[in-house]
Amino acid sequence: MGYYGLTASNPLGCNKCLCSAEGSLSNVCDPVSGQCPCRPHLQGLTCELCSHGYWNPSSPRGCEPCRCDPTNSHGDTCDQSTGQCQCRSGFGGRTCTECPDNTYGDPLIGCRCKCPVVFCHRNLQRLLNMLCSMLLTIQSNGQTK
C-alpha cells in the first residue's frame, strides 16, 4: 500500500493513498503530493474525475467523450454523471442534436410541440377566449337590434 506526506519536518504526517480503483493505474501514489497515476482522460488527486470533454468516471471502459454538438451546444463539456451537454436554445438531447423536451421534429428546420395544444399555446387559448367573449358581448349589446 502507498503512503504520502512524510517529511523530515512532519515525521508523523503520513497519509494513506486513496487512489480510485476504477480511475487509477495503481494504489501507489506520489510520496510527496499524493497524486495517484490516472488512467487516460481521468484526473484529480485520486483519479475520480473525468478530464475536460469527458464524462462517466465510473464506467468500466473509463471516461467517455461528451460529443457535444459544436454548433448547438455552449461548449464541449458535459455533466460528469449524465453526459448532458449544455444546449443552446431550441436544441435538446444529451448531445444537443435533437429537439428540446416536449417537442419533436428536426431542430435545424423547426421543432413542434408534442404536448396538448392548450398547454403549449396557453396564451393563444386565452386570447381566443377573450375575443370570443368580446364578440358575444358586442352581439348582445346592440348589434342584433
Protein backbone atom coordinates (compact mmCIF):
# COMPACT_ATOMS: atom_id res chain seq x y z
CA MET A 1 0.00 0.00 0.00
CA GLY A 2 1.16 3.51 -0.74
CA TYR A 3 1.59 6.45 1.59
CA TYR A 4 2.47 10.11 1.11
CA GLY A 5 3.22 13.29 3.03
CA LEU A 6 6.07 12.02 5.19
CA THR A 7 8.67 14.77 5.59
CA ALA A 8 11.58 15.43 7.91
CA SER A 9 9.63 18.31 9.46
CA ASN A 10 6.49 16.16 9.85
CA PRO A 11 7.52 12.54 10.51
CA LEU A 12 4.01 11.58 11.66
CA GLY A 13 2.22 13.29 8.75
CA CYS A 14 1.99 10.19 6.63
CA ASN A 15 -1.34 9.63 4.78
CA LYS A 16 -2.57 6.52 3.03
CA CYS A 17 -3.03 6.83 -0.75
CA LEU A 18 -6.75 6.79 -1.64
CA CYS A 19 -6.45 6.05 -5.36
CA SER A 20 -9.74 5.29 -7.13
CA ALA A 21 -9.96 1.59 -8.02
CA GLU A 22 -11.70 2.48 -11.32
CA GLY A 23 -9.68 5.56 -12.26
CA SER A 24 -6.16 4.87 -11.09
CA LEU A 25 -3.48 2.63 -12.59
CA SER A 26 -2.28 1.61 -9.12
CA ASN A 27 -2.85 2.14 -5.35
CA VAL A 28 0.60 3.67 -5.00
CA CYS A 29 0.64 7.46 -5.21
CA ASP A 30 3.37 10.09 -5.40
CA PRO A 31 5.13 10.03 -2.00
CA VAL A 32 5.21 13.85 -1.77
CA SER A 33 1.96 15.12 -3.36
CA GLY A 34 -0.30 12.06 -3.01
CA GLN A 35 -1.20 12.22 -6.72
CA CYS A 36 -2.34 8.83 -8.00
CA PRO A 37 -1.36 7.66 -11.51
CA CYS A 38 -4.56 8.17 -13.54
CA ARG A 39 -5.97 6.20 -16.45
CA PRO A 40 -6.42 8.14 -19.71
CA HIS A 41 -8.97 11.00 -19.53
CA LEU A 42 -9.15 10.88 -15.71
CA GLN A 43 -7.83 13.49 -13.29
CA GLY A 44 -7.92 14.61 -9.67
CA LEU A 45 -5.71 13.63 -6.76
CA THR A 46 -7.34 10.19 -6.56
CA CYS A 47 -8.32 9.93 -10.29
CA GLU A 48 -12.04 10.22 -9.58
CA LEU A 49 -12.94 12.91 -12.17
CA CYS A 50 -13.08 12.84 -15.94
CA SER A 51 -10.96 15.29 -17.88
CA HIS A 52 -12.47 18.27 -19.74
CA GLY A 53 -14.73 16.99 -22.54
CA TYR A 54 -15.33 13.56 -20.97
CA TRP A 55 -17.90 12.00 -18.62
CA ASN A 56 -18.85 8.80 -16.74
CA PRO A 57 -15.80 8.25 -14.50
CA SER A 58 -17.29 5.05 -13.02
CA SER A 59 -17.62 3.34 -16.41
CA PRO A 60 -15.61 0.10 -16.67
CA ARG A 61 -14.30 1.40 -20.03
CA GLY A 62 -13.14 4.66 -18.44
CA CYS A 63 -14.36 8.14 -19.25
CA GLU A 64 -16.31 8.59 -22.48
CA PRO A 65 -16.17 11.65 -24.76
CA CYS A 66 -19.05 14.14 -24.26
CA ARG A 67 -19.51 14.54 -28.05
CA CYS A 68 -21.48 17.80 -27.63
CA ASP A 69 -22.59 19.22 -30.97
CA PRO A 70 -20.15 22.09 -31.63
CA THR A 71 -22.85 24.34 -33.12
CA ASN A 72 -25.87 23.50 -30.95
CA SER A 73 -24.16 23.42 -27.54
CA HIS A 74 -22.42 26.04 -25.39
CA GLY A 75 -19.15 24.08 -25.36
CA ASP A 76 -17.56 20.66 -25.24
CA THR A 77 -18.06 19.95 -21.54
CA CYS A 78 -20.90 17.89 -20.12
CA ASP A 79 -22.25 16.70 -16.79
CA GLN A 80 -19.80 14.20 -15.22
CA SER A 81 -22.61 11.78 -14.26
CA THR A 82 -25.21 12.05 -17.04
CA GLY A 83 -23.15 13.26 -20.01
CA GLN A 84 -25.73 16.00 -20.67
CA CYS A 85 -24.27 18.84 -22.74
CA GLN A 86 -25.42 22.45 -22.20
CA CYS A 87 -27.63 23.04 -25.24
CA ARG A 88 -28.34 26.34 -26.92
CA SER A 89 -31.97 27.48 -27.07
CA GLY A 90 -34.02 25.39 -29.48
CA PHE A 91 -31.92 22.23 -29.07
CA GLY A 92 -32.08 19.25 -26.73
CA GLY A 93 -30.98 15.67 -26.21
CA ARG A 94 -27.81 14.56 -24.43
CA THR A 95 -25.52 15.90 -27.18
CA CYS A 96 -27.78 18.80 -28.37
CA THR A 97 -28.64 17.23 -31.73
CA GLU A 98 -32.37 16.83 -31.06
CA CYS A 99 -35.40 18.99 -30.36
CA PRO A 100 -35.89 20.14 -26.74
CA ASP A 101 -38.11 18.21 -24.29
CA ASN A 102 -41.83 18.11 -25.16
CA THR A 103 -41.14 18.83 -28.84
CA TYR A 104 -40.43 16.77 -31.95
CA GLY A 105 -39.07 17.22 -35.45
CA ASP A 106 -35.76 18.37 -36.87
CA PRO A 107 -34.20 21.15 -34.78
CA LEU A 108 -32.48 22.58 -37.87
CA ILE A 109 -35.85 23.02 -39.64
CA GLY A 110 -38.08 23.63 -36.63
CA CYS A 111 -39.39 21.73 -33.64
CA ARG A 112 -43.09 21.28 -32.99
CA CYS A 113 -44.86 20.99 -29.70
CA LYS A 114 -45.99 17.47 -28.82
CA CYS A 115 -47.84 18.47 -25.68
CA PRO A 116 -51.58 19.30 -25.57
CA VAL A 117 -52.46 22.42 -27.56
CA VAL A 118 -53.98 24.15 -24.54
CA PHE A 119 -50.76 23.63 -22.55
CA CYS A 120 -48.38 24.71 -25.33
CA HIS A 121 -50.45 27.62 -26.54
CA ARG A 122 -51.98 28.73 -23.26
CA ASN A 123 -51.67 32.43 -24.16
CA LEU A 124 -53.22 31.85 -27.59
CA GLN A 125 -56.09 29.96 -25.99
CA ARG A 126 -56.69 32.84 -23.54
CA LEU A 127 -56.64 35.33 -26.41
CA LEU A 128 -59.18 33.29 -28.40
CA ASN A 129 -61.45 33.02 -25.36
CA MET A 130 -61.21 36.79 -24.82
CA LEU A 131 -62.04 37.54 -28.47
CA CYS A 132 -64.96 35.14 -28.38
CA SER A 133 -66.33 36.82 -25.23
CA MET A 134 -65.93 40.26 -26.81
CA LEU A 135 -67.81 39.18 -29.95
CA LEU A 136 -70.64 37.74 -27.87
CA THR A 137 -70.81 40.96 -25.83
CA ILE A 138 -70.90 43.12 -28.97
CA GLN A 139 -73.65 40.98 -30.48
CA SER A 140 -75.78 41.09 -27.38
CA ASN A 141 -75.31 44.89 -26.88
CA GLY A 142 -76.97 46.31 -29.87
CA GLN A 143 -75.57 44.74 -32.96
CA THR A 144 -78.58 42.42 -33.19
CA LYS A 145 -81.25 45.19 -32.82
